[in-house]
Amino acid sequence: MKETDIRKYAALMKELELTGLEITEDNRVVRLERTQAAVAREPVAVQTASAAPSPVTEKQGDDGCVSVSSAFVGVFYAAPAENAEPFVAIGDRVEKGQTLCIIEAMKLMNEITADESGVIEKICVTNGQVVEYGTELFRIRR
């Protein structure tokens, strides 16, 4: 793969706010990844080429909690990297737009953000777990 092609893919990653991209060409695989430090300098919403759907959030009864569910089928990651601190923990106060986790879907890293402010009441899945569309990820008490 030519350097100019790699630069084009890197620019595309920046434009679409992707943290990872894998390209297979002529039996060669090239994986591009941006570090958390690079991502922190830019807005933290990761989107695919066709605009990432927001997490499914729905009110849950009279307990004052809302459920944040997966908008993707993929792998749940609680932290930005293998040895990094998780984005959130039980009891943490989160603000609207704050990153809660990453769902890896088809080699794309999709950040799930809070639609509402509140306190993390429950984390419903474990790191590395495969989740389906609609799987409850978090319960946030408003």
C-alpha atoms as a PDB file:
ATOM      1  CA  MET A   1       0.000   0.000   0.000  1.00  0.00           C
ATOM      2  CA  LYS A   2       1.299   3.437  -0.896  1.00  0.00           C
ATOM      3  CA  GLU A   3       1.985   6.133   1.673  1.00  0.00           C
ATOM      4  CA  THR A   4      -0.509   8.432  -0.057  1.00  0.00           C
ATOM      5  CA  ASP A   5      -3.243   5.808   0.408  1.00  0.00           C
ATOM      6  CA  ILE A   6      -2.416   5.470   4.092  1.00  0.00           C
ATOM      7  CA  ARG A   7      -2.562   9.254   4.489  1.00  0.00           C
ATOM      8  CA  LYS A   8      -5.984   9.313   2.788  1.00  0.00           C
ATOM      9  CA  TYR A   9      -7.270   6.636   5.198  1.00  0.00           C
ATOM     10  CA  ALA A  10      -5.817   8.529   8.165  1.00  0.00           C
ATOM     11  CA  ALA A  11      -7.585  11.705   7.004  1.00  0.00           C
ATOM     12  CA  LEU A  12     -10.825   9.731   6.622  1.00  0.00           C
ATOM     13  CA  MET A  13     -10.438   8.394  10.173  1.00  0.00           C
ATOM     14  CA  LYS A  14     -10.024  11.936  11.462  1.00  0.00           C
ATOM     15  CA  GLU A  15     -13.007  13.209   9.453  1.00  0.00           C
ATOM     16  CA  LEU A  16     -15.291  10.405  10.671  1.00  0.00           C
ATOM     17  CA  GLU A  17     -13.790  10.510  14.187  1.00  0.00           C
ATOM     18  CA  LEU A  18     -12.821   6.813  14.063  1.00  0.00           C
ATOM     19  CA  THR A  19     -10.347   5.313  16.553  1.00  0.00           C
ATOM     20  CA  GLY A  20      -9.504   2.285  14.392  1.00  0.00           C
ATOM     21  CA  LEU A  21      -9.606   1.141  10.774  1.00  0.00           C
ATOM     22  CA  GLU A  22      -8.448  -2.084   9.104  1.00  0.00           C
ATOM     23  CA  ILE A  23      -7.871  -2.328   5.334  1.00  0.00           C
ATOM     24  CA  THR A  24      -7.136  -5.529   3.408  1.00  0.00           C
ATOM     25  CA  GLU A  25      -5.566  -5.023  -0.003  1.00  0.00           C
ATOM     26  CA  ASP A  26      -3.628  -7.507  -2.157  1.00  0.00           C
ATOM     27  CA  ASN A  27      -3.438 -10.072   0.686  1.00  0.00           C
ATOM     28  CA  ARG A  28      -1.943  -7.440   3.002  1.00  0.00           C
ATOM     29  CA  VAL A  29      -3.668  -6.100   6.077  1.00  0.00           C
ATOM     30  CA  VAL A  30      -3.056  -2.583   7.347  1.00  0.00           C
ATOM     31  CA  ARG A  31      -4.576  -1.545  10.689  1.00  0.00           C
ATOM     32  CA  LEU A  32      -4.627   2.123  11.623  1.00  0.00           C
ATOM     33  CA  GLU A  33      -5.377   3.156  15.200  1.00  0.00           C
ATOM     34  CA  ARG A  34      -5.442   6.491  16.934  1.00  0.00           C
ATOM     35  CA  THR A  35      -4.327   6.628  20.544  1.00  0.00           C
ATOM     36  CA  GLN A  36      -6.579   7.938  23.280  1.00  0.00           C
ATOM     37  CA  ALA A  37      -4.358  11.032  23.558  1.00  0.00           C
ATOM     38  CA  ALA A  38      -5.011  11.854  19.887  1.00  0.00           C
ATOM     39  CA  VAL A  39      -8.727  11.291  20.303  1.00  0.00           C
ATOM     40  CA  ALA A  40      -8.862  13.478  23.422  1.00  0.00           C
ATOM     41  CA  ARG A  41      -7.824  16.524  21.387  1.00  0.00           C
ATOM     42  CA  GLU A  42     -10.903  16.153  19.209  1.00  0.00           C
ATOM     43  CA  PRO A  43     -14.618  15.603  19.869  1.00  0.00           C
ATOM     44  CA  VAL A  44     -15.146  12.157  21.356  1.00  0.00           C
ATOM     45  CA  ALA A  45     -18.052  10.865  19.262  1.00  0.00           C
ATOM     46  CA  VAL A  46     -16.987   8.052  16.947  1.00  0.00           C
ATOM     47  CA  GLN A  47     -19.130   7.586  13.880  1.00  0.00           C
ATOM     48  CA  THR A  48     -19.218   5.199  10.983  1.00  0.00           C
ATOM     49  CA  ALA A  49     -19.573   6.415   7.423  1.00  0.00           C
ATOM     50  CA  SER A  50     -23.358   6.380   7.772  1.00  0.00           C
ATOM     51  CA  ALA A  51     -23.673   8.271  11.074  1.00  0.00           C
ATOM     52  CA  ALA A  52     -23.622   6.173  14.222  1.00  0.00           C
ATOM     53  CA  PRO A  53     -27.000   5.669  15.831  1.00  0.00           C
ATOM     54  CA  SER A  54     -27.354   6.937  19.363  1.00  0.00           C
ATOM     55  CA  PRO A  55     -27.795   4.454  22.184  1.00  0.00           C
ATOM     56  CA  VAL A  56     -31.330   3.323  22.851  1.00  0.00           C
ATOM     57  CA  THR A  57     -32.441   5.111  26.033  1.00  0.00           C
ATOM     58  CA  GLU A  58     -35.787   4.435  27.607  1.00  0.00           C
ATOM     59  CA  LYS A  59     -37.418   5.331  30.898  1.00  0.00           C
ATOM     60  CA  GLN A  60     -37.691   2.458  33.376  1.00  0.00           C
ATOM     61  CA  GLY A  61     -40.745   2.653  35.624  1.00  0.00           C
ATOM     62  CA  ASP A  62     -40.952   4.596  38.850  1.00  0.00           C
ATOM     63  CA  ASP A  63     -37.427   3.888  40.106  1.00  0.00           C
ATOM     64  CA  GLY A  64     -36.084   7.063  38.445  1.00  0.00           C
ATOM     65  CA  CYS A  65     -33.546   5.183  36.339  1.00  0.00           C
ATOM     66  CA  VAL A  66     -33.073   5.227  32.598  1.00  0.00           C
ATOM     67  CA  SER A  67     -31.653   2.321  30.669  1.00  0.00           C
ATOM     68  CA  VAL A  68     -28.836   2.820  28.156  1.00  0.00           C
ATOM     69  CA  SER A  69     -28.958   0.010  25.618  1.00  0.00           C
ATOM     70  CA  SER A  70     -26.687  -0.902  22.738  1.00  0.00           C
ATOM     71  CA  ALA A  71     -27.461   0.499  19.309  1.00  0.00           C
ATOM     72  CA  PHE A  72     -25.072  -2.067  17.784  1.00  0.00           C
ATOM     73  CA  VAL A  73     -24.282  -5.750  17.700  1.00  0.00           C
ATOM     74  CA  GLY A  74     -20.655  -6.000  18.785  1.00  0.00           C
ATOM     75  CA  VAL A  75     -18.172  -6.322  21.642  1.00  0.00           C
ATOM     76  CA  PHE A  76     -18.540  -4.154  24.768  1.00  0.00           C
ATOM     77  CA  TYR A  77     -15.391  -2.441  26.035  1.00  0.00           C
ATOM     78  CA  ALA A  78     -15.501  -0.585  29.354  1.00  0.00           C
ATOM     79  CA  ALA A  79     -12.186   1.235  28.784  1.00  0.00           C
ATOM     80  CA  PRO A  80     -10.423   2.953  25.869  1.00  0.00           C
ATOM     81  CA  ALA A  81      -7.494   0.509  26.006  1.00  0.00           C
ATOM     82  CA  GLU A  82      -6.713  -2.869  27.558  1.00  0.00           C
ATOM     83  CA  ASN A  83      -4.864  -1.558  30.626  1.00  0.00           C
ATOM     84  CA  ALA A  84      -6.701   1.771  30.939  1.00  0.00           C
ATOM     85  CA  GLU A  85      -9.201   2.817  33.591  1.00  0.00           C
ATOM     86  CA  PRO A  86     -12.846   2.214  32.642  1.00  0.00           C
ATOM     87  CA  PHE A  87     -14.820   5.165  31.281  1.00  0.00           C
ATOM     88  CA  VAL A  88     -17.300   4.911  34.196  1.00  0.00           C
ATOM     89  CA  ALA A  89     -17.871   2.914  37.378  1.00  0.00           C
ATOM     90  CA  ILE A  90     -20.891   2.327  39.577  1.00  0.00           C
ATOM     91  CA  GLY A  91     -21.609   5.495  41.550  1.00  0.00           C
ATOM     92  CA  ASP A  92     -19.925   7.842  39.059  1.00  0.00           C
ATOM     93  CA  ARG A  93     -21.754  11.043  38.115  1.00  0.00           C
ATOM     94  CA  VAL A  94     -22.047  11.314  34.321  1.00  0.00           C
ATOM     95  CA  GLU A  95     -23.057  14.267  32.196  1.00  0.00           C
ATOM     96  CA  LYS A  96     -25.028  14.252  28.970  1.00  0.00           C
ATOM     97  CA  GLY A  97     -22.631  13.465  26.114  1.00  0.00           C
ATOM     98  CA  GLN A  98     -20.026  11.758  28.327  1.00  0.00           C
ATOM     99  CA  THR A  99     -18.533   8.532  26.945  1.00  0.00           C
ATOM    100  CA  LEU A 100     -19.776   5.459  28.812  1.00  0.00           C
ATOM    101  CA  CYS A 101     -18.164   2.650  26.792  1.00  0.00           C
ATOM    102  CA  ILE A 102     -17.112   1.470  23.336  1.00  0.00           C
ATOM    103  CA  ILE A 103     -18.916  -1.094  21.206  1.00  0.00           C
ATOM    104  CA  GLU A 104     -16.692  -2.631  18.522  1.00  0.00           C
ATOM    105  CA  ALA A 105     -18.848  -3.453  15.519  1.00  0.00           C
ATOM    106  CA  MET A 106     -17.345  -4.699  12.264  1.00  0.00           C
ATOM    107  CA  LYS A 107     -13.851  -3.458  13.220  1.00  0.00           C
ATOM    108  CA  LEU A 108     -15.184   0.047  13.989  1.00  0.00           C
ATOM    109  CA  MET A 109     -15.004   1.445  17.507  1.00  0.00           C
ATOM    110  CA  ASN A 110     -18.293   3.185  18.375  1.00  0.00           C
ATOM    111  CA  GLU A 111     -18.436   5.267  21.531  1.00  0.00           C
ATOM    112  CA  ILE A 112     -21.689   5.110  23.465  1.00  0.00           C
ATOM    113  CA  THR A 113     -22.443   8.373  25.246  1.00  0.00           C
ATOM    114  CA  ALA A 114     -24.928   9.335  27.948  1.00  0.00           C
ATOM    115  CA  ASP A 115     -28.154  10.849  26.633  1.00  0.00           C
ATOM    116  CA  GLU A 116     -28.937  12.212  30.106  1.00  0.00           C
ATOM    117  CA  SER A 117     -27.011  13.304  33.187  1.00  0.00           C
ATOM    118  CA  GLY A 118     -27.153  11.178  36.311  1.00  0.00           C
ATOM    119  CA  VAL A 119     -25.363   8.584  38.448  1.00  0.00           C
ATOM    120  CA  ILE A 120     -24.352   5.133  37.186  1.00  0.00           C
ATOM    121  CA  GLU A 121     -26.626   2.800  39.147  1.00  0.00           C
ATOM    122  CA  LYS A 122     -25.665  -0.469  37.413  1.00  0.00           C
ATOM    123  CA  ILE A 123     -23.308  -1.754  34.721  1.00  0.00           C
ATOM    124  CA  CYS A 124     -25.244  -4.619  33.148  1.00  0.00           C
ATOM    125  CA  VAL A 125     -22.525  -6.242  30.999  1.00  0.00           C
ATOM    126  CA  THR A 126     -18.889  -7.253  31.427  1.00  0.00           C
ATOM    127  CA  ASN A 127     -15.822  -6.116  29.536  1.00  0.00           C
ATOM    128  CA  GLY A 128     -15.343  -8.118  26.329  1.00  0.00           C
ATOM    129  CA  GLN A 129     -18.936  -9.385  26.288  1.00  0.00           C
ATOM    130  CA  VAL A 130     -20.695  -9.661  22.929  1.00  0.00           C
ATOM    131  CA  VAL A 131     -23.874  -7.564  22.977  1.00  0.00           C
ATOM    132  CA  GLU A 132     -26.901  -7.485  20.692  1.00  0.00           C
ATOM    133  CA  TYR A 133     -28.926  -4.514  19.536  1.00  0.00           C
ATOM    134  CA  GLY A 134     -31.054  -3.428  22.503  1.00  0.00           C
ATOM    135  CA  THR A 135     -28.915  -5.143  25.180  1.00  0.00           C
ATOM    136  CA  GLU A 136     -29.086  -3.079  28.375  1.00  0.00           C
ATOM    137  CA  LEU A 137     -25.602  -1.696  29.095  1.00  0.00           C
ATOM    138  CA  PHE A 138     -26.149   0.763  31.963  1.00  0.00           C
ATOM    139  CA  ARG A 139     -28.823   2.038  34.323  1.00  0.00           C
ATOM    140  CA  ILE A 140     -28.512   5.714  35.170  1.00  0.00           C
ATOM    141  CA  ARG A 141     -30.358   7.272  38.101  1.00  0.00           C
ATOM    142  CA  ARG A 142     -31.465  10.822  37.323  1.00  0.00           C
END
